[in-house]
């Protein structure tokens, strides 16, 4: 009967030592791959959010009537008085984009007939878009809009929109002034007919034969 050769104790120890060297390297490679996948996923998520934010802002501006106000104070904000791009199925909405002090968060406010700062009776929807916003500038001149957007430690994003004209304010029509002059007064109609009176009737007188006395 043929005997199978077995591993000696030294060979087993050598195999265990080799596995002890190889397995940590494999685990490190797996960890690196997992970390790279996590970073890639987070980057794609951030890029997706940024792309969605820029697309929404782009559609808000393109669908507007041109009545856009820009204020650069402690709250950098852009207000679009009327836009057809609504996230809540409104026919026409007022949309404002502004950067809050807390975490420098860029938010989008949608509603109708409201003013900033918001009051307790204003019915609006506020959507946080992105945090750690370092730059949010909008320039509007001669039918062109330039948008600059940048997060902390991220590459800046910019885009330009053309062909958006500001609404022309219609001047109220002034009432026409009546020129003072001589008034043409039509002469009064003096041709009035008085009621016709019946002609006086003359009573017939009997014919009297008046003859001269005969001379004798």
Protein backbone atom coordinates (compact mmCIF):
# COMPACT_ATOMS: atom_id res chain seq x y z
CA UNK A 1 0.00 0.00 0.00
CA UNK A 2 1.39 3.38 -1.10
CA UNK A 3 1.78 5.92 1.67
CA UNK A 4 1.00 9.64 0.98
CA UNK A 5 3.78 11.91 2.11
CA UNK A 6 2.63 14.29 4.88
CA UNK A 7 3.73 17.83 5.69
CA UNK A 8 6.42 18.05 8.21
CA UNK A 9 6.17 20.35 11.20
CA UNK A 10 8.71 22.73 9.71
CA UNK A 11 6.70 23.09 6.49
CA UNK A 12 3.56 23.86 8.47
CA UNK A 13 5.35 26.51 10.49
CA UNK A 14 6.76 28.06 7.36
CA UNK A 15 3.28 28.16 5.81
CA UNK A 16 1.83 29.85 8.89
CA UNK A 17 4.61 32.42 8.87
CA UNK A 18 4.03 33.21 5.22
CA UNK A 19 0.29 33.59 5.80
CA UNK A 20 1.06 35.91 8.71
CA UNK A 21 3.03 38.12 6.35
CA UNK A 22 0.61 38.04 3.43
CA UNK A 23 -2.74 38.39 5.25
CA UNK A 24 -2.02 41.81 6.87
CA UNK A 25 -0.96 43.13 3.49
CA UNK A 26 -4.18 41.82 1.99
CA UNK A 27 -6.24 43.39 4.78
CA UNK A 28 -4.49 46.72 4.26
CA UNK A 29 -5.20 46.54 0.54
CA UNK A 30 -8.87 45.81 1.23
CA UNK A 31 -9.06 48.71 3.70
CA UNK A 32 -7.46 51.06 1.21
CA UNK A 33 -9.87 49.94 -1.47
CA UNK A 34 -12.82 50.39 0.89
CA UNK A 35 -11.64 53.88 1.91
CA UNK A 36 -11.13 54.90 -1.69
CA UNK A 37 -14.61 53.67 -2.56
CA UNK A 38 -16.05 55.63 0.39
CA UNK A 39 -14.24 58.82 -0.66
CA UNK A 40 -15.34 58.33 -4.23
CA UNK A 41 -18.95 57.81 -3.14
CA UNK A 42 -18.86 60.94 -0.96
CA UNK A 43 -17.30 62.95 -3.76
CA UNK A 44 -19.94 61.78 -6.22
CA UNK A 45 -22.68 62.61 -3.73
CA UNK A 46 -21.29 66.11 -3.23
CA UNK A 47 -20.87 66.56 -6.97
CA UNK A 48 -24.42 65.36 -7.48
CA UNK A 49 -25.73 67.87 -4.92
CA UNK A 50 -23.72 70.68 -6.45
CA UNK A 51 -24.92 69.76 -9.93
CA UNK A 52 -28.52 69.63 -8.73
CA UNK A 53 -28.12 72.99 -6.99
CA UNK A 54 -26.65 74.67 -10.05
CA UNK A 55 -29.30 73.11 -12.29
CA UNK A 56 -32.08 74.37 -10.01
CA UNK A 57 -30.59 77.87 -9.84
CA UNK A 58 -30.13 77.86 -13.61
CA UNK A 59 -33.76 76.88 -14.22
CA UNK A 60 -34.98 79.47 -11.70
CA UNK A 61 -33.15 82.21 -13.56
CA UNK A 62 -34.00 81.03 -17.07
CA UNK A 63 -37.71 80.69 -16.24
CA UNK A 64 -37.92 84.12 -14.59
CA UNK A 65 -39.60 87.25 -15.92
CA UNK A 66 -36.37 89.24 -15.56
CA UNK A 67 -37.41 90.96 -12.33
CA UNK A 68 -34.37 89.93 -10.28
CA UNK A 69 -33.03 91.77 -7.24
CA UNK A 70 -29.49 91.25 -5.91
CA UNK A 71 -28.35 92.38 -2.47
CA UNK A 72 -24.89 91.92 -1.03
CA UNK A 73 -24.95 92.60 2.69
CA UNK A 74 -24.57 90.30 5.67
CA UNK A 75 -26.93 87.94 3.83
CA UNK A 76 -25.92 87.58 0.21
CA UNK A 77 -29.16 86.92 -1.55
CA UNK A 78 -30.81 86.82 -4.94
CA UNK A 79 -34.59 87.15 -5.23
CA UNK A 80 -36.54 86.22 -8.34
CA UNK A 81 -39.99 87.79 -8.16
CA UNK A 82 -41.63 85.45 -10.66
CA UNK A 83 -40.35 82.15 -12.03
CA UNK A 84 -42.11 79.20 -13.59
CA UNK A 85 -39.61 76.71 -12.16
CA UNK A 86 -41.32 75.46 -9.01
CA UNK A 87 -40.39 72.46 -6.88
CA UNK A 88 -43.86 72.43 -5.32
CA UNK A 89 -46.14 72.55 -8.38
CA UNK A 90 -46.83 76.29 -8.22
CA UNK A 91 -47.78 77.98 -11.47
CA UNK A 92 -45.65 81.02 -10.61
CA UNK A 93 -43.41 81.30 -7.55
CA UNK A 94 -41.14 83.81 -5.89
CA UNK A 95 -37.74 82.26 -5.19
CA UNK A 96 -34.88 83.64 -3.10
CA UNK A 97 -31.40 82.17 -2.74
CA UNK A 98 -29.38 83.30 0.28
CA UNK A 99 -26.43 82.24 2.41
CA UNK A 100 -27.12 81.85 6.13
CA UNK A 101 -24.55 82.66 8.79
CA UNK A 102 -24.84 79.22 10.39
CA UNK A 103 -22.40 76.89 8.64
CA UNK A 104 -22.57 79.28 5.66
CA UNK A 105 -25.46 77.26 4.30
CA UNK A 106 -26.95 78.13 0.94
CA UNK A 107 -30.75 77.80 1.08
CA UNK A 108 -33.56 78.18 -1.41
CA UNK A 109 -36.84 79.82 -0.32
CA UNK A 110 -39.96 79.32 -2.44
CA UNK A 111 -43.39 80.82 -1.95
CA UNK A 112 -45.59 83.74 -2.92
CA UNK A 113 -45.97 87.28 -1.65
CA UNK A 114 -43.32 87.16 1.08
CA UNK A 115 -40.48 89.41 2.10
CA UNK A 116 -37.14 88.78 3.76
CA UNK A 117 -36.66 88.43 6.66
CA UNK A 118 -39.56 86.01 6.88
CA UNK A 119 -42.50 86.64 9.16
CA UNK A 120 -44.51 84.18 11.21
CA UNK A 121 -47.41 84.31 8.74
CA UNK A 122 -45.35 83.70 5.60
CA UNK A 123 -46.01 80.33 4.02
CA UNK A 124 -42.81 79.28 2.29
CA UNK A 125 -40.67 76.22 1.71
CA UNK A 126 -36.99 76.44 2.74
CA UNK A 127 -34.56 73.91 1.27
CA UNK A 128 -30.92 73.75 2.42
CA UNK A 129 -28.77 73.27 -0.68
CA UNK A 130 -25.15 73.09 0.47
CA UNK A 131 -22.93 74.01 3.40
CA UNK A 132 -19.57 75.76 3.76
CA UNK A 133 -20.24 78.15 0.92
CA UNK A 134 -17.34 80.58 0.55
CA UNK A 135 -18.45 82.45 -2.57
CA UNK A 136 -21.95 83.13 -3.86
CA UNK A 137 -22.07 86.06 -6.26
CA UNK A 138 -24.55 86.93 -8.99
CA UNK A 139 -24.08 89.74 -11.50
CA UNK A 140 -26.94 90.95 -13.68
CA UNK A 141 -26.39 93.54 -16.39
CA UNK A 142 -27.54 94.11 -19.98
CA UNK A 143 -29.49 90.88 -20.27
CA UNK A 144 -26.60 88.73 -18.97
CA UNK A 145 -26.40 86.91 -15.63
CA UNK A 146 -23.10 85.60 -14.26
CA UNK A 147 -23.18 83.19 -11.29
CA UNK A 148 -20.13 82.29 -9.16
CA UNK A 149 -20.38 79.53 -6.56
CA UNK A 150 -17.67 77.90 -4.47
CA UNK A 151 -17.58 75.66 -1.42
CA UNK A 152 -14.76 75.49 1.08
CA UNK A 153 -11.73 73.67 -0.38
CA UNK A 154 -13.61 72.97 -3.60
CA UNK A 155 -13.21 74.16 -7.15
CA UNK A 156 -15.34 77.19 -8.07
CA UNK A 157 -18.36 76.78 -10.31
CA UNK A 158 -19.50 79.48 -12.71
CA UNK A 159 -22.02 79.79 -15.51
CA UNK A 160 -23.54 82.58 -17.58
CA UNK A 161 -27.07 83.07 -18.89
CA UNK A 162 -27.88 85.42 -21.76
CA UNK A 163 -31.09 86.82 -23.14
CA UNK A 164 -32.86 87.67 -19.89
CA UNK A 165 -34.17 91.22 -20.17
CA UNK A 166 -35.48 93.30 -17.34
CA UNK A 167 -39.20 94.07 -17.46
CA UNK A 168 -40.01 97.49 -18.91
CA UNK A 169 -42.04 99.61 -16.58
CA UNK A 170 -44.99 101.17 -18.36
CA UNK A 171 -45.33 104.88 -17.75
CA UNK A 172 -48.80 105.96 -16.64
CA UNK A 173 -50.64 107.85 -19.32
CA UNK A 174 -51.06 111.52 -18.53
CA UNK A 175 -54.50 113.01 -19.06
CA UNK A 176 -54.70 115.21 -22.10
CA UNK A 177 -54.83 118.91 -21.34
CA UNK A 178 -57.66 120.87 -22.92
CA UNK A 179 -56.40 123.99 -24.64
CA UNK A 180 -58.02 127.14 -23.39
CA UNK A 181 -59.54 129.21 -26.19
CA UNK A 182 -62.67 130.79 -27.43
CA UNK A 183 -65.61 128.57 -27.13
CA UNK A 184 -67.69 128.30 -30.23
CA UNK A 185 -71.18 128.94 -29.01
CA UNK A 186 -73.90 128.25 -31.46
CA UNK A 187 -76.41 131.13 -31.78
CA UNK A 188 -79.67 130.51 -30.17
CA UNK A 189 -82.44 129.59 -32.53
CA UNK A 190 -84.64 132.70 -32.53
CA UNK A 191 -86.88 131.46 -35.29
CA UNK A 192 -89.71 130.65 -33.01
CA UNK A 193 -93.19 130.46 -34.38
CA UNK A 194 -95.88 131.98 -32.30
CA UNK A 195 -99.22 130.31 -32.38
CA UNK A 196 -101.31 131.64 -35.24
CA UNK A 197 -104.28 133.70 -34.13
CA UNK A 198 -107.49 133.49 -36.07
CA UNK A 199 -108.19 136.46 -38.27
CA UNK A 200 -110.80 138.82 -36.77
CA UNK A 201 -114.13 138.24 -38.27
CA UNK A 202 -115.94 141.32 -39.58
CA UNK A 203 -119.66 141.27 -39.22
CA UNK A 204 -121.36 141.93 -42.49
CA UNK A 205 -123.26 145.32 -42.54
CA UNK A 206 -126.49 145.65 -44.44
CA UNK A 207 -126.23 147.54 -47.66
CA UNK A 208 -127.81 150.96 -47.08
CA UNK A 209 -128.73 152.92 -50.10
CA UNK A 210 -127.71 156.39 -49.22
CA UNK A 211 -128.80 158.69 -51.87
CA UNK A 212 -128.59 162.42 -52.01
CA UNK A 213 -131.82 164.27 -51.45
CA UNK A 214 -133.48 165.22 -54.69
CA UNK A 215 -133.39 168.85 -55.44
CA UNK A 216 -136.64 170.37 -56.28
